[in-house]
Amino acid sequence: MVEFKLVVSDPSDGTSKTVTVSDPHSQALVGLKIGDTLNGDPFGLPGVELKILGGTDRSGIPMRSDVPGGSKRKLLLSSPPGFKPREDGERKRKLVRGNMITEDIVQINAVIVKKEEAGKKSE
């Protein structure tokens, strides 16, 4: 049984909301990648379109958008996510995860891209 914590941030007012997603809605997230958009209706956010920005697995290893697949890899990093350099030119080999959501992911970060007005009907 797969369970995710979906952290949805709203850039219009700067707030964020955590939604726990269980089966069968969690199976719809498996296989999506960073940058994909999805509808917020199954997650209790009606009329909202979400964009996936990243996430972490159960060990706290971050996802990176430039690493294909869902596996873990050790990369030489010089920028976030996964490594924040303390001085110019600093690089370090760190463990990161690919850009695809798998069963090992625990937290998924998303942002609201489009919000439908409450009184407005879509045609």
PDB file of N, CA and C in Angstrom:
ATOM      1  N   MET A   1       0.837  -1.179   0.000  1.00  0.00           N
ATOM      2  CA  MET A   1       0.000   0.000   0.000  1.00  0.00           C
ATOM      3  C   MET A   1       0.883   1.244   0.000  1.00  0.00           C
ATOM      4  N   VAL A   2       0.699   2.081  -0.993  1.00  0.00           N
ATOM      5  CA  VAL A   2       1.514   3.266  -1.156  1.00  0.00           C
ATOM      6  C   VAL A   2       0.795   4.461  -0.537  1.00  0.00           C
ATOM      7  N   GLU A   3       1.550   5.269   0.208  1.00  0.00           N
ATOM      8  CA  GLU A   3       0.984   6.467   0.804  1.00  0.00           C
ATOM      9  C   GLU A   3       1.974   7.617   0.631  1.00  0.00           C
ATOM     10  N   PHE A   4       1.475   8.748   0.170  1.00  0.00           N
ATOM     11  CA  PHE A   4       2.303   9.926  -0.054  1.00  0.00           C
ATOM     12  C   PHE A   4       1.798  11.075   0.799  1.00  0.00           C
ATOM     13  N   LYS A   5       2.701  11.983   1.145  1.00  0.00           N
ATOM     14  CA  LYS A   5       2.320  13.274   1.707  1.00  0.00           C
ATOM     15  C   LYS A   5       2.507  14.278   0.585  1.00  0.00           C
ATOM     16  N   LEU A   6       1.426  14.862   0.122  1.00  0.00           N
ATOM     17  CA  LEU A   6       1.442  15.843  -0.952  1.00  0.00           C
ATOM     18  C   LEU A   6       1.436  17.228  -0.320  1.00  0.00           C
ATOM     19  N   VAL A   7       2.545  17.965  -0.480  1.00  0.00           N
ATOM     20  CA  VAL A   7       2.663  19.312   0.062  1.00  0.00           C
ATOM     21  C   VAL A   7       2.369  20.279  -1.076  1.00  0.00           C
ATOM     22  N   VAL A   8       1.232  20.986  -0.964  1.00  0.00           N
ATOM     23  CA  VAL A   8       0.772  21.891  -2.015  1.00  0.00           C
ATOM     24  C   VAL A   8       0.986  23.324  -1.544  1.00  0.00           C
ATOM     25  N   SER A   9       1.777  24.095  -2.297  1.00  0.00           N
ATOM     26  CA  SER A   9       1.988  25.494  -1.947  1.00  0.00           C
ATOM     27  C   SER A   9       1.170  26.380  -2.869  1.00  0.00           C
ATOM     28  N   ASP A  10       0.653  27.456  -2.290  1.00  0.00           N
ATOM     29  CA  ASP A  10      -0.172  28.418  -3.016  1.00  0.00           C
ATOM     30  C   ASP A  10       0.616  29.720  -3.131  1.00  0.00           C
ATOM     31  N   PRO A  11       1.133  30.055  -4.320  1.00  0.00           N
ATOM     32  CA  PRO A  11       1.951  31.255  -4.449  1.00  0.00           C
ATOM     33  C   PRO A  11       1.166  32.558  -4.305  1.00  0.00           C
ATOM     34  N   SER A  12      -0.174  32.507  -4.430  1.00  0.00           N
ATOM     35  CA  SER A  12      -0.962  33.735  -4.332  1.00  0.00           C
ATOM     36  C   SER A  12      -0.972  34.299  -2.908  1.00  0.00           C
ATOM     37  N   ASP A  13      -0.981  33.419  -1.890  1.00  0.00           N
ATOM     38  CA  ASP A  13      -0.965  33.914  -0.516  1.00  0.00           C
ATOM     39  C   ASP A  13       0.210  33.376   0.304  1.00  0.00           C
ATOM     40  N   GLY A  14       1.088  32.561  -0.291  1.00  0.00           N
ATOM     41  CA  GLY A  14       2.295  32.093   0.381  1.00  0.00           C
ATOM     42  C   GLY A  14       2.074  30.992   1.392  1.00  0.00           C
ATOM     43  N   THR A  15       0.932  30.325   1.366  1.00  0.00           N
ATOM     44  CA  THR A  15       0.668  29.249   2.311  1.00  0.00           C
ATOM     45  C   THR A  15       0.923  27.891   1.671  1.00  0.00           C
ATOM     46  N   SER A  16       1.024  26.879   2.512  1.00  0.00           N
ATOM     47  CA  SER A  16       1.143  25.520   2.011  1.00  0.00           C
ATOM     48  C   SER A  16       0.212  24.620   2.819  1.00  0.00           C
ATOM     49  N   LYS A  17      -0.194  23.533   2.173  1.00  0.00           N
ATOM     50  CA  LYS A  17      -1.135  22.598   2.779  1.00  0.00           C
ATOM     51  C   LYS A  17      -0.628  21.186   2.532  1.00  0.00           C
ATOM     52  N   THR A  18      -0.685  20.343   3.551  1.00  0.00           N
ATOM     53  CA  THR A  18      -0.266  18.952   3.430  1.00  0.00           C
ATOM     54  C   THR A  18      -1.486  18.058   3.325  1.00  0.00           C
ATOM     55  N   VAL A  19      -1.494  17.212   2.291  1.00  0.00           N
ATOM     56  CA  VAL A  19      -2.596  16.286   2.054  1.00  0.00           C
ATOM     57  C   VAL A  19      -2.009  14.877   2.021  1.00  0.00           C
ATOM     58  N   THR A  20      -2.577  13.965   2.812  1.00  0.00           N
ATOM     59  CA  THR A  20      -2.146  12.573   2.790  1.00  0.00           C
ATOM     60  C   THR A  20      -2.925  11.850   1.702  1.00  0.00           C
ATOM     61  N   VAL A  21      -2.186  11.217   0.789  1.00  0.00           N
ATOM     62  CA  VAL A  21      -2.796  10.537  -0.361  1.00  0.00           C
ATOM     63  C   VAL A  21      -2.577   9.036  -0.206  1.00  0.00           C
ATOM     64  N   SER A  22      -3.673   8.271  -0.154  1.00  0.00           N
ATOM     65  CA  SER A  22      -3.601   6.815  -0.038  1.00  0.00           C
ATOM     66  C   SER A  22      -4.152   6.179  -1.300  1.00  0.00           C
ATOM     67  N   ASP A  23      -4.131   4.835  -1.339  1.00  0.00           N
ATOM     68  CA  ASP A  23      -4.709   4.109  -2.475  1.00  0.00           C
ATOM     69  C   ASP A  23      -6.171   4.462  -2.621  1.00  0.00           C
ATOM     70  N   PRO A  24      -6.753   4.515  -3.781  1.00  0.00           N
ATOM     71  CA  PRO A  24      -6.234   4.300  -5.124  1.00  0.00           C
ATOM     72  C   PRO A  24      -5.654   5.564  -5.768  1.00  0.00           C
ATOM     73  N   HIS A  25      -5.832   6.732  -5.119  1.00  0.00           N
ATOM     74  CA  HIS A  25      -5.340   7.983  -5.700  1.00  0.00           C
ATOM     75  C   HIS A  25      -3.817   8.034  -5.750  1.00  0.00           C
ATOM     76  N   SER A  26      -3.152   7.329  -4.825  1.00  0.00           N
ATOM     77  CA  SER A  26      -1.691   7.335  -4.822  1.00  0.00           C
ATOM     78  C   SER A  26      -1.120   6.590  -6.031  1.00  0.00           C
ATOM     79  N   GLN A  27      -1.837   5.590  -6.532  1.00  0.00           N
ATOM     80  CA  GLN A  27      -1.361   4.855  -7.705  1.00  0.00           C
ATOM     81  C   GLN A  27      -1.361   5.729  -8.950  1.00  0.00           C
ATOM     82  N   ALA A  28      -2.208   6.770  -8.968  1.00  0.00           N
ATOM     83  CA  ALA A  28      -2.240   7.684 -10.102  1.00  0.00           C
ATOM     84  C   ALA A  28      -0.986   8.563 -10.143  1.00  0.00           C
ATOM     85  N   LEU A  29      -0.333   8.753  -8.996  1.00  0.00           N
ATOM     86  CA  LEU A  29       0.879   9.573  -8.943  1.00  0.00           C
ATOM     87  C   LEU A  29       2.137   8.816  -9.341  1.00  0.00           C
ATOM     88  N   VAL A  30       2.128   7.493  -9.151  1.00  0.00           N
ATOM     89  CA  VAL A  30       3.297   6.679  -9.482  1.00  0.00           C
ATOM     90  C   VAL A  30       3.527   6.726 -10.992  1.00  0.00           C
ATOM     91  N   GLY A  31       4.742   7.060 -11.376  1.00  0.00           N
ATOM     92  CA  GLY A  31       5.091   7.145 -12.787  1.00  0.00           C
ATOM     93  C   GLY A  31       5.135   8.572 -13.310  1.00  0.00           C
ATOM     94  N   LEU A  32       4.576   9.521 -12.570  1.00  0.00           N
ATOM     95  CA  LEU A  32       4.658  10.919 -12.983  1.00  0.00           C
ATOM     96  C   LEU A  32       6.060  11.454 -12.728  1.00  0.00           C
ATOM     97  N   LYS A  33       6.412  12.520 -13.429  1.00  0.00           N
ATOM     98  CA  LYS A  33       7.756  13.095 -13.309  1.00  0.00           C
ATOM     99  C   LYS A  33       7.674  14.532 -12.822  1.00  0.00           C
ATOM    100  N   ILE A  34       8.811  15.053 -12.403  1.00  0.00           N
ATOM    101  CA  ILE A  34       8.906  16.459 -12.009  1.00  0.00           C
ATOM    102  C   ILE A  34       8.573  17.312 -13.226  1.00  0.00           C
ATOM    103  N   GLY A  35       7.695  18.293 -13.034  1.00  0.00           N
ATOM    104  CA  GLY A  35       7.263  19.160 -14.121  1.00  0.00           C
ATOM    105  C   GLY A  35       5.916  18.785 -14.700  1.00  0.00           C
ATOM    106  N   ASP A  36       5.409  17.581 -14.394  1.00  0.00           N
ATOM    107  CA  ASP A  36       4.093  17.166 -14.876  1.00  0.00           C
ATOM    108  C   ASP A  36       2.999  17.911 -14.113  1.00  0.00           C
ATOM    109  N   THR A  37       1.879  18.140 -14.790  1.00  0.00           N
ATOM    110  CA  THR A  37       0.739  18.779 -14.145  1.00  0.00           C
ATOM    111  C   THR A  37      -0.367  17.758 -13.948  1.00  0.00           C
ATOM    112  N   LEU A  38      -1.172  17.967 -12.897  1.00  0.00           N
ATOM    113  CA  LEU A  38      -2.267  17.058 -12.605  1.00  0.00           C
ATOM    114  C   LEU A  38      -3.420  17.837 -11.991  1.00  0.00           C
ATOM    115  N   ASN A  39      -4.578  17.227 -12.004  1.00  0.00           N
ATOM    116  CA  ASN A  39      -5.786  17.831 -11.475  1.00  0.00           C
ATOM    117  C   ASN A  39      -5.843  17.621  -9.965  1.00  0.00           C
ATOM    118  N   GLY A  40      -6.284  18.621  -9.210  1.00  0.00           N
ATOM    119  CA  GLY A  40      -6.329  18.534  -7.758  1.00  0.00           C
ATOM    120  C   GLY A  40      -7.609  17.959  -7.196  1.00  0.00           C
ATOM    121  N   ASP A  41      -8.593  17.636  -8.043  1.00  0.00           N
ATOM    122  CA  ASP A  41      -9.881  17.124  -7.563  1.00  0.00           C
ATOM    123  C   ASP A  41      -9.757  15.852  -6.718  1.00  0.00           C
ATOM    124  N   PRO A  42      -8.963  14.835  -7.105  1.00  0.00           N
ATOM    125  CA  PRO A  42      -8.901  13.617  -6.279  1.00  0.00           C
ATOM    126  C   PRO A  42      -8.236  13.826  -4.923  1.00  0.00           C
ATOM    127  N   PHE A  43      -7.549  14.953  -4.731  1.00  0.00           N
ATOM    128  CA  PHE A  43      -6.808  15.198  -3.499  1.00  0.00           C
ATOM    129  C   PHE A  43      -7.507  16.211  -2.592  1.00  0.00           C
ATOM    130  N   GLY A  44      -8.784  16.490  -2.855  1.00  0.00           N
ATOM    131  CA  GLY A  44      -9.534  17.417  -2.036  1.00  0.00           C
ATOM    132  C   GLY A  44      -9.299  18.873  -2.386  1.00  0.00           C
ATOM    133  N   LEU A  45      -8.789  19.141  -3.578  1.00  0.00           N
ATOM    134  CA  LEU A  45      -8.541  20.512  -4.034  1.00  0.00           C
ATOM    135  C   LEU A  45      -9.294  20.735  -5.341  1.00  0.00           C
ATOM    136  N   PRO A  46     -10.614  20.971  -5.270  1.00  0.00           N
ATOM    137  CA  PRO A  46     -11.401  21.096  -6.500  1.00  0.00           C
ATOM    138  C   PRO A  46     -11.069  22.375  -7.269  1.00  0.00           C
ATOM    139  N   GLY A  47     -11.053  22.260  -8.592  1.00  0.00           N
ATOM    140  CA  GLY A  47     -10.806  23.403  -9.458  1.00  0.00           C
ATOM    141  C   GLY A  47      -9.373  23.890  -9.456  1.00  0.00           C
ATOM    142  N   VAL A  48      -8.430  23.030  -9.084  1.00  0.00           N
ATOM    143  CA  VAL A  48      -7.032  23.428  -8.975  1.00  0.00           C
ATOM    144  C   VAL A  48      -6.185  22.539  -9.877  1.00  0.00           C
ATOM    145  N   GLU A  49      -5.219  23.138 -10.569  1.00  0.00           N
ATOM    146  CA  GLU A  49      -4.251  22.384 -11.355  1.00  0.00           C
ATOM    147  C   GLU A  49      -2.901  22.491 -10.652  1.00  0.00           C
ATOM    148  N   LEU A  50      -2.250  21.337 -10.424  1.00  0.00           N
ATOM    149  CA  LEU A  50      -0.997  21.268  -9.676  1.00  0.00           C
ATOM    150  C   LEU A  50       0.165  20.915 -10.595  1.00  0.00           C
ATOM    151  N   LYS A  51       1.348  21.440 -10.275  1.00  0.00           N
ATOM    152  CA  LYS A  51       2.576  21.102 -10.983  1.00  0.00           C
ATOM    153  C   LYS A  51       3.543  20.496  -9.976  1.00  0.00           C
ATOM    154  N   ILE A  52       4.103  19.331 -10.295  1.00  0.00           N
ATOM    155  CA  ILE A  52       5.028  18.638  -9.405  1.00  0.00           C
ATOM    156  C   ILE A  52       6.392  19.317  -9.482  1.00  0.00           C
ATOM    157  N   LEU A  53       6.941  19.692  -8.313  1.00  0.00           N
ATOM    158  CA  LEU A  53       8.236  20.371  -8.252  1.00  0.00           C
ATOM    159  C   LEU A  53       9.360  19.477  -7.743  1.00  0.00           C
ATOM    160  N   GLY A  54       9.038  18.426  -6.985  1.00  0.00           N
ATOM    161  CA  GLY A  54      10.080  17.554  -6.446  1.00  0.00           C
ATOM    162  C   GLY A  54       9.527  16.682  -5.348  1.00  0.00           C
ATOM    163  N   GLY A  55      10.440  16.171  -4.518  1.00  0.00           N
ATOM    164  CA  GLY A  55      10.032  15.321  -3.416  1.00  0.00           C
ATOM    165  C   GLY A  55      11.226  14.659  -2.770  1.00  0.00           C
ATOM    166  N   THR A  56      10.948  13.828  -1.763  1.00  0.00           N
ATOM    167  CA  THR A  56      12.001  13.092  -1.065  1.00  0.00           C
ATOM    168  C   THR A  56      11.528  11.668  -0.803  1.00  0.00           C
ATOM    169  N   ASP A  57      12.504  10.772  -0.592  1.00  0.00           N
ATOM    170  CA  ASP A  57      12.152   9.400  -0.246  1.00  0.00           C
ATOM    171  C   ASP A  57      12.185   9.237   1.269  1.00  0.00           C
ATOM    172  N   ARG A  58      12.028   8.012   1.755  1.00  0.00           N
ATOM    173  CA  ARG A  58      11.932   7.811   3.203  1.00  0.00           C
ATOM    174  C   ARG A  58      13.237   8.081   3.937  1.00  0.00           C
ATOM    175  N   SER A  59      14.364   8.125   3.225  1.00  0.00           N
ATOM    176  CA  SER A  59      15.649   8.445   3.851  1.00  0.00           C
ATOM    177  C   SER A  59      15.969   9.929   3.781  1.00  0.00           C
ATOM    178  N   GLY A  60      15.106  10.716   3.141  1.00  0.00           N
ATOM    179  CA  GLY A  60      15.352  12.143   3.003  1.00  0.00           C
ATOM    180  C   GLY A  60      16.159  12.510   1.777  1.00  0.00           C
ATOM    181  N   ILE A  61      16.366  11.563   0.883  1.00  0.00           N
ATOM    182  CA  ILE A  61      17.133  11.823  -0.336  1.00  0.00           C
ATOM    183  C   ILE A  61      16.246  12.577  -1.321  1.00  0.00           C
ATOM    184  N   PRO A  62      16.698  13.743  -1.811  1.00  0.00           N
ATOM    185  CA  PRO A  62      15.847  14.570  -2.682  1.00  0.00           C
ATOM    186  C   PRO A  62      15.802  14.061  -4.111  1.00  0.00           C
ATOM    187  N   MET A  63      14.723  14.433  -4.801  1.00  0.00           N
ATOM    188  CA  MET A  63      14.591  14.138  -6.225  1.00  0.00           C
ATOM    189  C   MET A  63      15.218  15.287  -7.003  1.00  0.00           C
ATOM    190  N   ARG A  64      15.823  14.965  -8.149  1.00  0.00           N
ATOM    191  CA  ARG A  64      16.386  15.985  -9.034  1.00  0.00           C
ATOM    192  C   ARG A  64      15.742  15.867 -10.399  1.00  0.00           C
ATOM    193  N   SER A  65      15.426  17.008 -10.992  1.00  0.00           N
ATOM    194  CA  SER A  65      14.729  17.012 -12.272  1.00  0.00           C
ATOM    195  C   SER A  65      15.626  16.625 -13.440  1.00  0.00           C
ATOM    196  N   ASP A  66      16.950  16.730 -13.281  1.00  0.00           N
ATOM    197  CA  ASP A  66      17.865  16.428 -14.381  1.00  0.00           C
ATOM    198  C   ASP A  66      18.381  14.996 -14.370  1.00  0.00           C
ATOM    199  N   VAL A  67      17.880  14.146 -13.450  1.00  0.00           N
ATOM    200  CA  VAL A  67      18.282  12.741 -13.384  1.00  0.00           C
ATOM    201  C   VAL A  67      17.101  11.893 -13.863  1.00  0.00           C
ATOM    202  N   PRO A  68      17.231  11.178 -14.984  1.00  0.00           N
ATOM    203  CA  PRO A  68      16.101  10.389 -15.492  1.00  0.00           C
ATOM    204  C   PRO A  68      15.824   9.147 -14.638  1.00  0.00           C
ATOM    205  N   GLY A  69      14.571   8.723 -14.621  1.00  0.00           N
ATOM    206  CA  GLY A  69      14.189   7.502 -13.920  1.00  0.00           C
ATOM    207  C   GLY A  69      13.868   7.742 -12.464  1.00  0.00           C
ATOM    208  N   GLY A  70      13.735   6.658 -11.710  1.00  0.00           N
ATOM    209  CA  GLY A  70      13.376   6.757 -10.305  1.00  0.00           C
ATOM    210  C   GLY A  70      14.412   6.163  -9.377  1.00  0.00           C
ATOM    211  N   SER A  71      15.595   5.834  -9.898  1.00  0.00           N
ATOM    212  CA  SER A  71      16.610   5.174  -9.092  1.00  0.00           C
ATOM    213  C   SER A  71      17.496   6.181  -8.373  1.00  0.00           C
ATOM    214  N   LYS A  72      18.285   5.671  -7.409  1.00  0.00           N
ATOM    215  CA  LYS A  72      19.239   6.509  -6.681  1.00  0.00           C
ATOM    216  C   LYS A  72      20.582   6.487  -7.401  1.00  0.00           C
ATOM    217  N   ARG A  73      21.240   7.663  -7.411  1.00  0.00           N
ATOM    218  CA  ARG A  73      22.557   7.762  -8.038  1.00  0.00           C
ATOM    219  C   ARG A  73      23.432   8.713  -7.247  1.00  0.00           C
ATOM    220  N   LYS A  74      24.732   8.464  -7.285  1.00  0.00           N
ATOM    221  CA  LYS A  74      25.696   9.388  -6.689  1.00  0.00           C
ATOM    222  C   LYS A  74      26.213  10.293  -7.788  1.00  0.00           C
ATOM    223  N   LEU A  75      26.010  11.602  -7.614  1.00  0.00           N
ATOM    224  CA  LEU A  75      26.404  12.585  -8.614  1.00  0.00           C
ATOM    225  C   LEU A  75      27.321  13.619  -7.991  1.00  0.00           C
ATOM    226  N   LEU A  76      28.162  14.208  -8.819  1.00  0.00           N
ATOM    227  CA  LEU A  76      28.999  15.317  -8.399  1.00  0.00           C
ATOM    228  C   LEU A  76      28.173  16.589  -8.573  1.00  0.00           C
ATOM    229  N   LEU A  77      27.735  17.169  -7.450  1.00  0.00           N
ATOM    230  CA  LEU A  77      26.812  18.303  -7.490  1.00  0.00           C
ATOM    231  C   LEU A  77      27.516  19.605  -7.130  1.00  0.00           C
ATOM    232  N   SER A  78      27.032  20.689  -7.748  1.00  0.00           N
ATOM    233  CA  SER A  78      27.544  22.021  -7.424  1.00  0.00           C
ATOM    234  C   SER A  78      26.399  22.991  -7.153  1.00  0.00           C
ATOM    235  N   SER A  79      25.152  22.493  -7.156  1.00  0.00           N
ATOM    236  CA  SER A  79      23.998  23.357  -6.923  1.00  0.00           C
ATOM    237  C   SER A  79      22.846  22.544  -6.331  1.00  0.00           C
ATOM    238  N   PRO A  80      21.860  23.238  -5.710  1.00  0.00           N
ATOM    239  CA  PRO A  80      20.688  22.530  -5.184  1.00  0.00           C
ATOM    240  C   PRO A  80      19.838  21.972  -6.306  1.00  0.00           C
ATOM    241  N   PRO A  81      18.937  21.016  -6.063  1.00  0.00           N
ATOM    242  CA  PRO A  81      18.658  20.346  -4.804  1.00  0.00           C
ATOM    243  C   PRO A  81      19.647  19.221  -4.531  1.00  0.00           C
ATOM    244  N   GLY A  82      19.838  18.933  -3.277  1.00  0.00           N
ATOM    245  CA  GLY A  82      20.731  17.865  -2.866  1.00  0.00           C
ATOM    246  C   GLY A  82      22.049  18.348  -2.307  1.00  0.00           C
ATOM    247  N   PHE A  83      22.461  19.575  -2.651  1.00  0.00           N
ATOM    248  CA  PHE A  83      23.719  20.120  -2.152  1.00  0.00           C
ATOM    249  C   PHE A  83      23.692  21.632  -2.253  1.00  0.00           C
ATOM    250  N   LYS A  84      24.029  22.295  -1.163  1.00  0.00           N
ATOM    251  CA  LYS A  84      24.109  23.752  -1.148  1.00  0.00           C
ATOM    252  C   LYS A  84      25.565  24.137  -0.920  1.00  0.00           C
ATOM    253  N   PRO A  85      26.257  24.646  -1.955  1.00  0.00           N
ATOM    254  CA  PRO A  85      27.674  24.982  -1.792  1.00  0.00           C
ATOM    255  C   PRO A  85      27.871  26.146  -0.825  1.00  0.00           C
ATOM    256  N   ARG A  86      28.908  26.056  -0.003  1.00  0.00           N
ATOM    257  CA  ARG A  86      29.211  27.099   0.986  1.00  0.00           C
ATOM    258  C   ARG A  86      30.128  28.171   0.413  1.00  0.00           C
ATOM    259  N   GLU A  87      30.886  27.828  -0.628  1.00  0.00           N
ATOM    260  CA  GLU A  87      31.765  28.813  -1.262  1.00  0.00           C
ATOM    261  C   GLU A  87      31.774  28.581  -2.766  1.00  0.00           C
ATOM    262  N   ASP A  88      32.237  29.556  -3.526  1.00  0.00           N
ATOM    263  CA  ASP A  88      32.248  29.466  -4.983  1.00  0.00           C
ATOM    264  C   ASP A  88      33.107  28.303  -5.461  1.00  0.00           C
ATOM    265  N   GLY A  89      32.593  27.544  -6.415  1.00  0.00           N
ATOM    266  CA  GLY A  89      33.339  26.442  -7.010  1.00  0.00           C
ATOM    267  C   GLY A  89      33.309  25.152  -6.223  1.00  0.00           C
ATOM    268  N   GLU A  90      32.650  25.127  -5.069  1.00  0.00           N
ATOM    269  CA  GLU A  90      32.613  23.920  -4.258  1.00  0.00           C
ATOM    270  C   GLU A  90      31.708  22.876  -4.908  1.00  0.00           C
ATOM    271  N   ARG A  91      32.193  21.629  -4.952  1.00  0.00           N
ATOM    272  CA  ARG A  91      31.421  20.510  -5.488  1.00  0.00           C
ATOM    273  C   ARG A  91      31.556  19.333  -4.541  1.00  0.00           C
ATOM    274  N   LYS A  92      30.556  18.468  -4.554  1.00  0.00           N
ATOM    275  CA  LYS A  92      30.581  17.308  -3.670  1.00  0.00           C
ATOM    276  C   LYS A  92      29.768  16.189  -4.291  1.00  0.00           C
ATOM    277  N   ARG A  93      30.204  14.958  -4.072  1.00  0.00           N
ATOM    278  CA  ARG A  93      29.461  13.798  -4.564  1.00  0.00           C
ATOM    279  C   ARG A  93      28.381  13.458  -3.550  1.00  0.00           C
ATOM    280  N   LYS A  94      27.110  13.505  -3.996  1.00  0.00           N
ATOM    281  CA  LYS A  94      25.967  13.274  -3.120  1.00  0.00           C
ATOM    282  C   LYS A  94      25.012  12.265  -3.756  1.00  0.00           C
ATOM    283  N   LEU A  95      24.232  11.618  -2.909  1.00  0.00           N
ATOM    284  CA  LEU A  95      23.240  10.655  -3.353  1.00  0.00           C
ATOM    285  C   LEU A  95      21.923  11.387  -3.623  1.00  0.00           C
ATOM    286  N   VAL A  96      21.382  11.235  -4.823  1.00  0.00           N
ATOM    287  CA  VAL A  96      20.104  11.856  -5.200  1.00  0.00           C
ATOM    288  C   VAL A  96      19.235  10.814  -5.893  1.00  0.00           C
ATOM    289  N   ARG A  97      17.969  11.134  -6.046  1.00  0.00           N
ATOM    290  CA  ARG A  97      17.012  10.250  -6.686  1.00  0.00           C
ATOM    291  C   ARG A  97      16.572  10.868  -8.006  1.00  0.00           C
ATOM    292  N   GLY A  98      16.114  10.051  -8.924  1.00  0.00           N
ATOM    293  CA  GLY A  98      15.681  10.505 -10.241  1.00  0.00           C
ATOM    294  C   GLY A  98      14.388  11.298 -10.199  1.00  0.00           C
ATOM    295  N   ASN A  99      13.933  11.742 -11.380  1.00  0.00           N
ATOM    296  CA  ASN A  99      12.790  12.638 -11.462  1.00  0.00           C
ATOM    297  C   ASN A  99      11.435  11.933 -11.526  1.00  0.00           C
ATOM    298  N   MET A 100      11.396  10.616 -11.452  1.00  0.00           N
ATOM    299  CA  MET A 100      10.136   9.875 -11.546  1.00  0.00           C
ATOM    300  C   MET A 100       9.656   9.462 -10.151  1.00  0.00           C
ATOM    301  N   ILE A 101       8.359   9.596  -9.915  1.00  0.00           N
ATOM    302  CA  ILE A 101       7.763   9.200  -8.639  1.00  0.00           C
ATOM    303  C   ILE A 101       7.606   7.682  -8.618  1.00  0.00           C
ATOM    304  N   THR A 102       8.178   7.044  -7.598  1.00  0.00           N
ATOM    305  CA  THR A 102       8.077   5.597  -7.408  1.00  0.00           C
ATOM    306  C   THR A 102       7.432   5.319  -6.046  1.00  0.00           C
ATOM    307  N   GLU A 103       7.325   4.041  -5.687  1.00  0.00           N
ATOM    308  CA  GLU A 103       6.753   3.662  -4.398  1.00  0.00           C
ATOM    309  C   GLU A 103       7.650   4.061  -3.234  1.00  0.00           C
ATOM    310  N   ASP A 104       8.928   4.345  -3.490  1.00  0.00           N
ATOM    311  CA  ASP A 104       9.872   4.706  -2.435  1.00  0.00           C
ATOM    312  C   ASP A 104       9.754   6.162  -2.006  1.00  0.00           C
ATOM    313  N   ILE A 105       9.088   6.983  -2.785  1.00  0.00           N
ATOM    314  CA  ILE A 105       8.927   8.397  -2.467  1.00  0.00           C
ATOM    315  C   ILE A 105       7.898   8.538  -1.350  1.00  0.00           C
ATOM    316  N   VAL A 106       8.162   9.439  -0.396  1.00  0.00           N
ATOM    317  CA  VAL A 106       7.257   9.654   0.731  1.00  0.00           C
ATOM    318  C   VAL A 106       6.576  11.011   0.624  1.00  0.00           C
ATOM    319  N   GLN A 107       7.347  12.037   0.246  1.00  0.00           N
ATOM    320  CA  GLN A 107       6.805  13.392   0.160  1.00  0.00           C
ATOM    321  C   GLN A 107       6.905  13.901  -1.267  1.00  0.00           C
ATOM    322  N   ILE A 108       5.818  14.505  -1.753  1.00  0.00           N
ATOM    323  CA  ILE A 108       5.784  15.100  -3.090  1.00  0.00           C
ATOM    324  C   ILE A 108       5.457  16.574  -2.931  1.00  0.00           C
ATOM    325  N   ASN A 109       6.292  17.437  -3.498  1.00  0.00           N
ATOM    326  CA  ASN A 109       6.075  18.875  -3.426  1.00  0.00           C
ATOM    327  C   ASN A 109       5.425  19.336  -4.720  1.00  0.00           C
ATOM    328  N   ALA A 110       4.377  20.143  -4.594  1.00  0.00           N
ATOM    329  CA  ALA A 110       3.652  20.645  -5.755  1.00  0.00           C
ATOM    330  C   ALA A 110       3.256  22.098  -5.520  1.00  0.00           C
ATOM    331  N   VAL A 111       2.977  22.803  -6.617  1.00  0.00           N
ATOM    332  CA  VAL A 111       2.553  24.192  -6.548  1.00  0.00           C
ATOM    333  C   VAL A 111       1.277  24.346  -7.370  1.00  0.00           C
ATOM    334  N   ILE A 112       0.411  25.252  -6.938  1.00  0.00           N
ATOM    335  CA  ILE A 112      -0.825  25.524  -7.668  1.00  0.00           C
ATOM    336  C   ILE A 112      -0.489  26.384  -8.874  1.00  0.00           C
ATOM    337  N   VAL A 113      -0.820  25.879 -10.061  1.00  0.00           N
ATOM    338  CA  VAL A 113      -0.551  26.601 -11.297  1.00  0.00           C
ATOM    339  C   VAL A 113      -1.775  27.396 -11.720  1.00  0.00           C
ATOM    340  N   LYS A 114      -2.942  26.753 -11.645  1.00  0.00           N
ATOM    341  CA  LYS A 114      -4.186  27.376 -12.075  1.00  0.00           C
ATOM    342  C   LYS A 114      -5.255  27.122 -11.027  1.00  0.00           C
ATOM    343  N   LYS A 115      -5.973  28.192 -10.667  1.00  0.00           N
ATOM    344  CA  LYS A 115      -7.053  28.060  -9.692  1.00  0.00           C
ATOM    345  C   LYS A 115      -8.330  28.562 -10.347  1.00  0.00           C
ATOM    346  N   GLU A 116      -9.340  27.701 -10.401  1.00  0.00           N
ATOM    347  CA  GLU A 116     -10.622  28.067 -10.989  1.00  0.00           C
ATOM    348  C   GLU A 116     -11.446  28.817  -9.948  1.00  0.00           C
ATOM    349  N   GLU A 117     -12.078  29.884 -10.369  1.00  0.00           N
ATOM    350  CA  GLU A 117     -12.914  30.676  -9.443  1.00  0.00           C
ATOM    351  C   GLU A 117     -14.101  29.850  -8.970  1.00  0.00           C
ATOM    352  N   ALA A 118     -14.558  30.108  -7.740  1.00  0.00           N
ATOM    353  CA  ALA A 118     -15.642  29.322  -7.147  1.00  0.00           C
ATOM    354  C   ALA A 118     -16.967  29.514  -7.883  1.00  0.00           C
ATOM    355  N   GLY A 119     -17.273  30.740  -8.292  1.00  0.00           N
ATOM    356  CA  GLY A 119     -18.535  31.007  -8.950  1.00  0.00           C
ATOM    357  C   GLY A 119     -18.481  30.867 -10.460  1.00  0.00           C
ATOM    358  N   LYS A 120     -17.326  30.586 -10.996  1.00  0.00           N
ATOM    359  CA  LYS A 120     -17.122  30.521 -12.442  1.00  0.00           C
ATOM    360  C   LYS A 120     -17.277  29.082 -12.922  1.00  0.00           C
ATOM    361  N   LYS A 121     -18.023  28.880 -13.987  1.00  0.00           N
ATOM    362  CA  LYS A 121     -18.203  27.549 -14.553  1.00  0.00           C
ATOM    363  C   LYS A 121     -17.329  27.429 -15.787  1.00  0.00           C
ATOM    364  N   SER A 122     -16.699  26.286 -15.952  1.00  0.00           N
ATOM    365  CA  SER A 122     -15.893  26.054 -17.160  1.00  0.00           C
ATOM    366  C   SER A 122     -16.797  25.524 -18.263  1.00  0.00           C
ATOM    367  N   GLU A 123     -16.567  25.997 -19.467  1.00  0.00           N
ATOM    368  CA  GLU A 123     -17.415  25.600 -20.604  1.00  0.00           C
ATOM    369  C   GLU A 123     -16.681  24.674 -21.518  1.00  0.00           C
TER     370      GLU A 123
END
